[in-house]
PDB file of N, CA and C in Angstrom:
ATOM      1  N   MET A   1     200.941 104.488 179.028  1.00  0.00           N
ATOM      2  CA  MET A   1     202.132 104.413 179.839  1.00  0.00           C
ATOM      3  C   MET A   1     202.884 105.748 179.829  1.00  0.00           C
ATOM      4  N   LYS A   2     202.942 106.374 178.636  1.00  0.00           N
ATOM      5  CA  LYS A   2     203.631 107.660 178.545  1.00  0.00           C
ATOM      6  C   LYS A   2     202.944 108.711 179.396  1.00  0.00           C
ATOM      7  N   ASN A   3     201.607 108.675 179.447  1.00  0.00           N
ATOM      8  CA  ASN A   3     200.860 109.650 180.238  1.00  0.00           C
ATOM      9  C   ASN A   3     201.165 109.510 181.730  1.00  0.00           C
ATOM     10  N   LYS A   4     201.304 108.265 182.207  1.00  0.00           N
ATOM     11  CA  LYS A   4     201.614 108.044 183.619  1.00  0.00           C
ATOM     12  C   LYS A   4     203.012 108.559 183.945  1.00  0.00           C
ATOM     13  N   ALA A   5     203.966 108.312 183.053  1.00  0.00           N
ATOM     14  CA  ALA A   5     205.331 108.787 183.274  1.00  0.00           C
ATOM     15  C   ALA A   5     205.366 110.315 183.263  1.00  0.00           C
ATOM     16  N   PHE A   6     204.674 110.908 182.314  1.00  0.00           N
ATOM     17  CA  PHE A   6     204.615 112.360 182.231  1.00  0.00           C
ATOM     18  C   PHE A   6     203.976 112.947 183.495  1.00  0.00           C
ATOM     19  N   ALA A   7     202.874 112.358 183.941  1.00  0.00           N
ATOM     20  CA  ALA A   7     202.186 112.826 185.141  1.00  0.00           C
ATOM     21  C   ALA A   7     203.098 112.706 186.369  1.00  0.00           C
ATOM     22  N   ALA A   8     203.857 111.622 186.443  1.00  0.00           N
ATOM     23  CA  ALA A   8     204.777 111.422 187.570  1.00  0.00           C
ATOM     24  C   ALA A   8     205.876 112.484 187.565  1.00  0.00           C
ATOM     25  N   ILE A   9     206.390 112.822 186.397  1.00  0.00           N
ATOM     26  CA  ILE A   9     207.435 113.846 186.296  1.00  0.00           C
ATOM     27  C   ILE A   9     206.879 115.206 186.702  1.00  0.00           C
ATOM     28  N   VAL A  10     205.703 115.543 186.192  1.00  0.00           N
ATOM     29  CA  VAL A  10     205.089 116.827 186.525  1.00  0.00           C
ATOM     30  C   VAL A  10     204.822 116.904 188.028  1.00  0.00           C
ATOM     31  N   LEU A  11     204.280 115.860 188.600  1.00  0.00           N
ATOM     32  CA  LEU A  11     203.999 115.821 190.030  1.00  0.00           C
ATOM     33  C   LEU A  11     205.291 115.994 190.839  1.00  0.00           C
ATOM     34  N   SER A  12     206.343 115.323 190.417  1.00  0.00           N
ATOM     35  CA  SER A  12     207.638 115.445 191.105  1.00  0.00           C
ATOM     36  C   SER A  12     208.158 116.873 191.049  1.00  0.00           C
ATOM     37  N   LEU A  13     208.034 117.516 189.895  1.00  0.00           N
ATOM     38  CA  LEU A  13     208.488 118.896 189.762  1.00  0.00           C
ATOM     39  C   LEU A  13     207.681 119.846 190.635  1.00  0.00           C
ATOM     40  N   VAL A  14     206.385 119.647 190.692  1.00  0.00           N
ATOM     41  CA  VAL A  14     205.529 120.487 191.527  1.00  0.00           C
ATOM     42  C   VAL A  14     205.905 120.320 192.998  1.00  0.00           C
ATOM     43  N   MET A  15     206.078 119.099 193.430  1.00  0.00           N
ATOM     44  CA  MET A  15     206.431 118.841 194.833  1.00  0.00           C
ATOM     45  C   MET A  15     207.799 119.451 195.148  1.00  0.00           C
ATOM     46  N   PHE A  16     208.757 119.295 194.242  1.00  0.00           N
ATOM     47  CA  PHE A  16     210.095 119.845 194.455  1.00  0.00           C
ATOM     48  C   PHE A  16     210.035 121.366 194.578  1.00  0.00           C
ATOM     49  N   SER A  17     209.263 122.024 193.714  1.00  0.00           N
ATOM     50  CA  SER A  17     209.192 123.488 193.761  1.00  0.00           C
ATOM     51  C   SER A  17     208.527 123.961 195.052  1.00  0.00           C
ATOM     52  N   GLN A  18     207.552 123.236 195.569  1.00  0.00           N
ATOM     53  CA  GLN A  18     206.911 123.620 196.828  1.00  0.00           C
ATOM     54  C   GLN A  18     207.880 123.472 197.998  1.00  0.00           C
ATOM     55  N   VAL A  19     208.662 122.416 197.991  1.00  0.00           N
ATOM     56  CA  VAL A  19     209.662 122.221 199.050  1.00  0.00           C
ATOM     57  C   VAL A  19     210.706 123.332 198.990  1.00  0.00           C
ATOM     58  N   GLN A  20     211.158 123.677 197.785  1.00  0.00           N
ATOM     59  CA  GLN A  20     212.132 124.755 197.621  1.00  0.00           C
ATOM     60  C   GLN A  20     211.569 126.077 198.127  1.00  0.00           C
ATOM     61  N   ALA A  21     210.336 126.388 197.796  1.00  0.00           N
ATOM     62  CA  ALA A  21     209.716 127.641 198.227  1.00  0.00           C
ATOM     63  C   ALA A  21     209.627 127.694 199.745  1.00  0.00           C
ATOM     64  N   ARG A  22     209.255 126.605 200.369  1.00  0.00           N
ATOM     65  CA  ARG A  22     209.165 126.561 201.835  1.00  0.00           C
ATOM     66  C   ARG A  22     210.543 126.732 202.452  1.00  0.00           C
ATOM     67  N   ASP A  23     211.555 126.065 201.917  1.00  0.00           N
ATOM     68  CA  ASP A  23     212.914 126.192 202.435  1.00  0.00           C
ATOM     69  C   ASP A  23     213.430 127.615 202.290  1.00  0.00           C
ATOM     70  N   ASP A  24     213.169 128.261 201.147  1.00  0.00           N
ATOM     71  CA  ASP A  24     213.612 129.631 200.930  1.00  0.00           C
ATOM     72  C   ASP A  24     212.966 130.583 201.917  1.00  0.00           C
ATOM     73  N   SER A  25     211.675 130.408 202.192  1.00  0.00           N
ATOM     74  CA  SER A  25     210.994 131.312 203.113  1.00  0.00           C
ATOM     75  C   SER A  25     211.496 131.112 204.537  1.00  0.00           C
ATOM     76  N   ASN A  26     211.911 129.918 204.903  1.00  0.00           N
ATOM     77  CA  ASN A  26     212.439 129.662 206.236  1.00  0.00           C
ATOM     78  C   ASN A  26     213.825 130.266 206.412  1.00  0.00           C
ATOM     79  N   ARG A  27     214.586 130.392 205.344  1.00  0.00           N
ATOM     80  CA  ARG A  27     215.938 130.940 205.412  1.00  0.00           C
ATOM     81  C   ARG A  27     215.957 132.449 205.530  1.00  0.00           C
ATOM     82  N   ARG A  28     214.922 133.106 205.066  1.00  0.00           N
ATOM     83  CA  ARG A  28     214.939 134.571 205.015  1.00  0.00           C
ATOM     84  C   ARG A  28     215.082 135.185 206.394  1.00  0.00           C
ATOM     85  N   GLY A  29     214.241 134.824 207.331  1.00  0.00           N
ATOM     86  CA  GLY A  29     214.304 135.369 208.676  1.00  0.00           C
ATOM     87  C   GLY A  29     214.082 136.877 208.681  1.00  0.00           C
ATOM     88  N   PRO A  30     214.364 137.513 209.818  1.00  0.00           N
ATOM     89  CA  PRO A  30     214.171 138.958 209.882  1.00  0.00           C
ATOM     90  C   PRO A  30     215.227 139.680 209.041  1.00  0.00           C
ATOM     91  N   PRO A  31     214.871 140.850 208.523  1.00  0.00           N
ATOM     92  CA  PRO A  31     215.856 141.585 207.733  1.00  0.00           C
ATOM     93  C   PRO A  31     217.025 142.011 208.605  1.00  0.00           C
ATOM     94  N   GLU A  32     218.188 142.092 208.000  1.00  0.00           N
ATOM     95  CA  GLU A  32     219.378 142.499 208.736  1.00  0.00           C
ATOM     96  C   GLU A  32     219.270 143.983 209.090  1.00  0.00           C
ATOM     97  N   ARG A  33     219.630 144.313 210.312  1.00  0.00           N
ATOM     98  CA  ARG A  33     219.568 145.704 210.765  1.00  0.00           C
ATOM     99  C   ARG A  33     220.724 146.478 210.135  1.00  0.00           C
ATOM    100  N   PRO A  34     220.434 147.653 209.567  1.00  0.00           N
ATOM    101  CA  PRO A  34     221.514 148.439 208.954  1.00  0.00           C
ATOM    102  C   PRO A  34     222.419 149.032 210.026  1.00  0.00           C
ATOM    103  N   SER A  35     223.608 149.392 209.647  1.00  0.00           N
ATOM    104  CA  SER A  35     224.504 150.068 210.588  1.00  0.00           C
ATOM    105  C   SER A  35     224.113 151.544 210.664  1.00  0.00           C
ATOM    106  N   PHE A  36     224.452 152.182 211.759  1.00  0.00           N
ATOM    107  CA  PHE A  36     224.155 153.608 211.918  1.00  0.00           C
ATOM    108  C   PHE A  36     224.832 154.415 210.815  1.00  0.00           C
ATOM    109  N   SER A  37     226.075 154.094 210.519  1.00  0.00           N
ATOM    110  CA  SER A  37     226.815 154.867 209.510  1.00  0.00           C
ATOM    111  C   SER A  37     226.208 154.743 208.116  1.00  0.00           C
ATOM    112  N   SER A  38     225.519 153.639 207.844  1.00  0.00           N
ATOM    113  CA  SER A  38     224.891 153.498 206.524  1.00  0.00           C
ATOM    114  C   SER A  38     223.648 154.372 206.388  1.00  0.00           C
ATOM    115  N   ILE A  39     223.093 154.817 207.510  1.00  0.00           N
ATOM    116  CA  ILE A  39     221.921 155.689 207.491  1.00  0.00           C
ATOM    117  C   ILE A  39     222.342 157.156 207.620  1.00  0.00           C
ATOM    118  N   ASP A  40     223.433 157.404 208.342  1.00  0.00           N
ATOM    119  CA  ASP A  40     223.947 158.767 208.540  1.00  0.00           C
ATOM    120  C   ASP A  40     224.702 159.183 207.275  1.00  0.00           C
ATOM    121  N   LEU A  41     223.943 159.577 206.264  1.00  0.00           N
ATOM    122  CA  LEU A  41     224.510 159.815 204.937  1.00  0.00           C
ATOM    123  C   LEU A  41     225.528 160.950 204.883  1.00  0.00           C
ATOM    124  N   ASP A  42     225.357 161.987 205.724  1.00  0.00           N
ATOM    125  CA  ASP A  42     226.314 163.092 205.701  1.00  0.00           C
ATOM    126  C   ASP A  42     227.406 162.951 206.771  1.00  0.00           C
ATOM    127  N   SER A  43     227.399 161.815 207.487  1.00  0.00           N
ATOM    128  CA  SER A  43     228.426 161.478 208.499  1.00  0.00           C
ATOM    129  C   SER A  43     228.599 162.552 209.568  1.00  0.00           C
ATOM    130  N   ASN A  44     227.498 163.184 209.982  1.00  0.00           N
ATOM    131  CA  ASN A  44     227.599 164.206 211.024  1.00  0.00           C
ATOM    132  C   ASN A  44     227.266 163.679 212.416  1.00  0.00           C
ATOM    133  N   GLY A  45     227.032 162.375 212.538  1.00  0.00           N
ATOM    134  CA  GLY A  45     226.746 161.773 213.840  1.00  0.00           C
ATOM    135  C   GLY A  45     225.278 161.796 214.222  1.00  0.00           C
ATOM    136  N   GLU A  46     224.433 162.297 213.333  1.00  0.00           N
ATOM    137  CA  GLU A  46     222.994 162.335 213.569  1.00  0.00           C
ATOM    138  C   GLU A  46     222.268 161.935 212.290  1.00  0.00           C
ATOM    139  N   VAL A  47     221.136 161.265 212.464  1.00  0.00           N
ATOM    140  CA  VAL A  47     220.320 160.877 211.314  1.00  0.00           C
ATOM    141  C   VAL A  47     219.073 161.744 211.314  1.00  0.00           C
ATOM    142  N   SER A  48     218.930 162.536 210.265  1.00  0.00           N
ATOM    143  CA  SER A  48     217.733 163.367 210.113  1.00  0.00           C
ATOM    144  C   SER A  48     216.606 162.512 209.542  1.00  0.00           C
ATOM    145  N   PHE A  49     215.393 163.044 209.579  1.00  0.00           N
ATOM    146  CA  PHE A  49     214.276 162.310 209.004  1.00  0.00           C
ATOM    147  C   PHE A  49     214.488 162.101 207.510  1.00  0.00           C
ATOM    148  N   ASP A  50     215.041 163.085 206.815  1.00  0.00           N
ATOM    149  CA  ASP A  50     215.299 162.937 205.374  1.00  0.00           C
ATOM    150  C   ASP A  50     216.251 161.777 205.096  1.00  0.00           C
ATOM    151  N   GLU A  51     217.319 161.679 205.887  1.00  0.00           N
ATOM    152  CA  GLU A  51     218.252 160.560 205.722  1.00  0.00           C
ATOM    153  C   GLU A  51     217.547 159.235 206.007  1.00  0.00           C
ATOM    154  N   PHE A  52     216.793 159.204 207.107  1.00  0.00           N
ATOM    155  CA  PHE A  52     216.109 157.973 207.515  1.00  0.00           C
ATOM    156  C   PHE A  52     215.086 157.537 206.483  1.00  0.00           C
ATOM    157  N   SER A  53     214.334 158.485 205.952  1.00  0.00           N
ATOM    158  CA  SER A  53     213.270 158.129 205.018  1.00  0.00           C
ATOM    159  C   SER A  53     213.797 157.722 203.645  1.00  0.00           C
ATOM    160  N   SER A  54     215.080 157.940 203.390  1.00  0.00           N
ATOM    161  CA  SER A  54     215.647 157.506 202.109  1.00  0.00           C
ATOM    162  C   SER A  54     215.944 156.008 202.100  1.00  0.00           C
ATOM    163  N   LYS A  55     215.858 155.382 203.250  1.00  0.00           N
ATOM    164  CA  LYS A  55     216.111 153.937 203.368  1.00  0.00           C
ATOM    165  C   LYS A  55     214.797 153.178 203.439  1.00  0.00           C
ATOM    166  N   GLU A  56     214.788 151.975 202.885  1.00  0.00           N
ATOM    167  CA  GLU A  56     213.604 151.123 202.947  1.00  0.00           C
ATOM    168  C   GLU A  56     213.519 150.494 204.337  1.00  0.00           C
ATOM    169  N   ILE A  57     212.302 150.414 204.879  1.00  0.00           N
ATOM    170  CA  ILE A  57     212.103 149.757 206.163  1.00  0.00           C
ATOM    171  C   ILE A  57     211.172 148.567 205.965  1.00  0.00           C
ATOM    172  N   PRO A  58     211.344 147.504 206.773  1.00  0.00           N
ATOM    173  CA  PRO A  58     210.580 146.277 206.544  1.00  0.00           C
ATOM    174  C   PRO A  58     209.095 146.378 206.858  1.00  0.00           C
ATOM    175  N   PHE A  59     208.703 147.238 207.777  1.00  0.00           N
ATOM    176  CA  PHE A  59     207.282 147.398 208.099  1.00  0.00           C
ATOM    177  C   PHE A  59     207.082 148.727 208.814  1.00  0.00           C
ATOM    178  N   GLY A  60     205.853 149.196 208.815  1.00  0.00           N
ATOM    179  CA  GLY A  60     205.535 150.467 209.454  1.00  0.00           C
ATOM    180  C   GLY A  60     205.826 151.628 208.521  1.00  0.00           C
ATOM    181  N   ASP A  61     205.430 152.825 208.972  1.00  0.00           N
ATOM    182  CA  ASP A  61     205.741 153.994 208.157  1.00  0.00           C
ATOM    183  C   ASP A  61     206.971 154.697 208.731  1.00  0.00           C
ATOM    184  N   HIS A  62     207.686 155.409 207.893  1.00  0.00           N
ATOM    185  CA  HIS A  62     208.948 156.029 208.285  1.00  0.00           C
ATOM    186  C   HIS A  62     208.792 156.963 209.484  1.00  0.00           C
ATOM    187  N   GLN A  63     207.745 157.783 209.491  1.00  0.00           N
ATOM    188  CA  GLN A  63     207.600 158.762 210.574  1.00  0.00           C
ATOM    189  C   GLN A  63     207.401 158.075 211.925  1.00  0.00           C
ATOM    190  N   THR A  64     206.564 157.054 211.982  1.00  0.00           N
ATOM    191  CA  THR A  64     206.309 156.347 213.242  1.00  0.00           C
ATOM    192  C   THR A  64     207.574 155.662 213.748  1.00  0.00           C
ATOM    193  N   VAL A  65     208.280 154.987 212.860  1.00  0.00           N
ATOM    194  CA  VAL A  65     209.510 154.289 213.260  1.00  0.00           C
ATOM    195  C   VAL A  65     210.555 155.310 213.707  1.00  0.00           C
ATOM    196  N   PHE A  66     210.719 156.384 212.937  1.00  0.00           N
ATOM    197  CA  PHE A  66     211.674 157.434 213.295  1.00  0.00           C
ATOM    198  C   PHE A  66     211.364 157.985 214.685  1.00  0.00           C
ATOM    199  N   ASP A  67     210.095 158.319 214.935  1.00  0.00           N
ATOM    200  CA  ASP A  67     209.691 158.872 216.233  1.00  0.00           C
ATOM    201  C   ASP A  67     209.952 157.893 217.373  1.00  0.00           C
ATOM    202  N   ASN A  68     209.799 156.602 217.127  1.00  0.00           N
ATOM    203  CA  ASN A  68     210.075 155.600 218.164  1.00  0.00           C
ATOM    204  C   ASN A  68     211.562 155.511 218.482  1.00  0.00           C
ATOM    205  N   ILE A  69     212.402 155.683 217.490  1.00  0.00           N
ATOM    206  CA  ILE A  69     213.849 155.616 217.721  1.00  0.00           C
ATOM    207  C   ILE A  69     214.358 156.903 218.358  1.00  0.00           C
ATOM    208  N   ASP A  70     213.822 158.047 217.952  1.00  0.00           N
ATOM    209  CA  ASP A  70     214.230 159.362 218.468  1.00  0.00           C
ATOM    210  C   ASP A  70     213.647 159.546 219.872  1.00  0.00           C
ATOM    211  N   SER A  71     214.284 158.925 220.852  1.00  0.00           N
ATOM    212  CA  SER A  71     213.713 158.844 222.201  1.00  0.00           C
ATOM    213  C   SER A  71     213.570 160.202 222.886  1.00  0.00           C
ATOM    214  N   ASN A  72     214.421 161.178 222.578  1.00  0.00           N
ATOM    215  CA  ASN A  72     214.276 162.488 223.219  1.00  0.00           C
ATOM    216  C   ASN A  72     213.486 163.477 222.357  1.00  0.00           C
ATOM    217  N   GLN A  73     212.977 162.988 221.229  1.00  0.00           N
ATOM    218  CA  GLN A  73     212.108 163.766 220.346  1.00  0.00           C
ATOM    219  C   GLN A  73     212.703 165.116 219.918  1.00  0.00           C
ATOM    220  N   ASP A  74     214.020 165.113 219.620  1.00  0.00           N
ATOM    221  CA  ASP A  74     214.653 166.359 219.169  1.00  0.00           C
ATOM    222  C   ASP A  74     214.759 166.458 217.648  1.00  0.00           C
ATOM    223  N   GLY A  75     214.180 165.489 216.948  1.00  0.00           N
ATOM    224  CA  GLY A  75     214.139 165.559 215.491  1.00  0.00           C
ATOM    225  C   GLY A  75     215.295 164.902 214.775  1.00  0.00           C
ATOM    226  N   VAL A  76     216.227 164.322 215.530  1.00  0.00           N
ATOM    227  CA  VAL A  76     217.336 163.569 214.930  1.00  0.00           C
ATOM    228  C   VAL A  76     217.572 162.310 215.750  1.00  0.00           C
ATOM    229  N   ILE A  77     218.149 161.325 215.118  1.00  0.00           N
ATOM    230  CA  ILE A  77     218.506 160.086 215.812  1.00  0.00           C
ATOM    231  C   ILE A  77     220.013 160.077 215.995  1.00  0.00           C
ATOM    232  N   THR A  78     220.441 159.951 217.244  1.00  0.00           N
ATOM    233  CA  THR A  78     221.868 159.828 217.524  1.00  0.00           C
ATOM    234  C   THR A  78     222.257 158.352 217.460  1.00  0.00           C
ATOM    235  N   GLU A  79     223.543 158.097 217.422  1.00  0.00           N
ATOM    236  CA  GLU A  79     223.993 156.706 217.393  1.00  0.00           C
ATOM    237  C   GLU A  79     223.566 155.975 218.663  1.00  0.00           C
ATOM    238  N   GLU A  80     223.593 156.662 219.793  1.00  0.00           N
ATOM    239  CA  GLU A  80     223.164 156.049 221.058  1.00  0.00           C
ATOM    240  C   GLU A  80     221.682 155.663 221.001  1.00  0.00           C
ATOM    241  N   GLU A  81     220.826 156.556 220.495  1.00  0.00           N
ATOM    242  CA  GLU A  81     219.404 156.245 220.370  1.00  0.00           C
ATOM    243  C   GLU A  81     219.198 155.060 219.426  1.00  0.00           C
ATOM    244  N   PHE A  82     219.938 155.062 218.339  1.00  0.00           N
ATOM    245  CA  PHE A  82     219.825 153.988 217.360  1.00  0.00           C
ATOM    246  C   PHE A  82     220.223 152.642 217.965  1.00  0.00           C
ATOM    247  N   GLU A  83     221.338 152.614 218.676  1.00  0.00           N
ATOM    248  CA  GLU A  83     221.829 151.361 219.267  1.00  0.00           C
ATOM    249  C   GLU A  83     220.935 150.883 220.406  1.00  0.00           C
ATOM    250  N   ASN A  84     220.342 151.807 221.151  1.00  0.00           N
ATOM    251  CA  ASN A  84     219.492 151.436 222.293  1.00  0.00           C
ATOM    252  C   ASN A  84     218.081 151.032 221.891  1.00  0.00           C
ATOM    253  N   HIS A  85     217.678 151.357 220.659  1.00  0.00           N
ATOM    254  CA  HIS A  85     216.313 151.061 220.222  1.00  0.00           C
ATOM    255  C   HIS A  85     216.138 149.565 219.947  1.00  0.00           C
ATOM    256  N   LYS A  86     215.096 149.010 220.508  1.00  0.00           N
ATOM    257  CA  LYS A  86     214.749 147.611 220.260  1.00  0.00           C
ATOM    258  C   LYS A  86     213.456 147.603 219.474  1.00  0.00           C
ATOM    259  N   PRO A  87     213.475 147.127 218.227  1.00  0.00           N
ATOM    260  CA  PRO A  87     212.245 147.089 217.432  1.00  0.00           C
ATOM    261  C   PRO A  87     211.186 146.235 218.106  1.00  0.00           C
ATOM    262  N   PRO A  88     209.910 146.597 217.960  1.00  0.00           N
ATOM    263  CA  PRO A  88     208.842 145.780 218.549  1.00  0.00           C
ATOM    264  C   PRO A  88     208.741 144.438 217.850  1.00  0.00           C
ATOM    265  N   LYS A  89     208.285 143.455 218.572  1.00  0.00           N
ATOM    266  CA  LYS A  89     208.057 142.138 217.975  1.00  0.00           C
ATOM    267  C   LYS A  89     206.876 142.227 217.032  1.00  0.00           C
ATOM    268  N   ARG A  90     206.988 141.551 215.884  1.00  0.00           N
ATOM    269  CA  ARG A  90     205.897 141.556 214.910  1.00  0.00           C
ATOM    270  C   ARG A  90     204.793 140.641 215.407  1.00  0.00           C
ATOM    271  N   GLN A  91     203.555 141.084 215.230  1.00  0.00           N
ATOM    272  CA  GLN A  91     202.384 140.320 215.656  1.00  0.00           C
ATOM    273  C   GLN A  91     201.949 139.370 214.555  1.00  0.00           C
ATOM    274  N   GLY A  92     201.565 138.151 214.906  1.00  0.00           N
ATOM    275  CA  GLY A  92     200.957 137.216 213.973  1.00  0.00           C
ATOM    276  C   GLY A  92     201.871 136.672 212.902  1.00  0.00           C
ATOM    277  N   GLY A  93     203.162 136.926 212.994  1.00  0.00           N
ATOM    278  CA  GLY A  93     204.081 136.424 211.975  1.00  0.00           C
ATOM    279  C   GLY A  93     204.558 135.027 212.289  1.00  0.00           C
ATOM    280  N   ARG A  94     205.421 134.535 211.435  1.00  0.00           N
ATOM    281  CA  ARG A  94     206.016 133.220 211.685  1.00  0.00           C
ATOM    282  C   ARG A  94     207.017 133.334 212.807  1.00  0.00           C
ATOM    283  N   SER A  95     207.227 132.256 213.543  1.00  0.00           N
ATOM    284  CA  SER A  95     208.209 132.282 214.618  1.00  0.00           C
ATOM    285  C   SER A  95     209.471 131.576 214.236  1.00  0.00           C
TER     286      SER A  95
END
């Protein structure tokens, strides 16, 4: 009888932890987009590659993402370029 009770408790804990893990992963969603000022470390109105690469990005490499945002390819990201940039949709991810 004790073995059945113990097995039931263990099973309940396993099921509860799986439900919690699924709920946590559903809450995460896409990472929050940083503000321009949080990336413009020297507050000069432009983000250099050095400033940009000091921040963690959710996917891709820093140079590719930087080049996609720097629409006029002048080597810096302006606030206008940053605000106008729409990140690509992730392929094969959860919806």
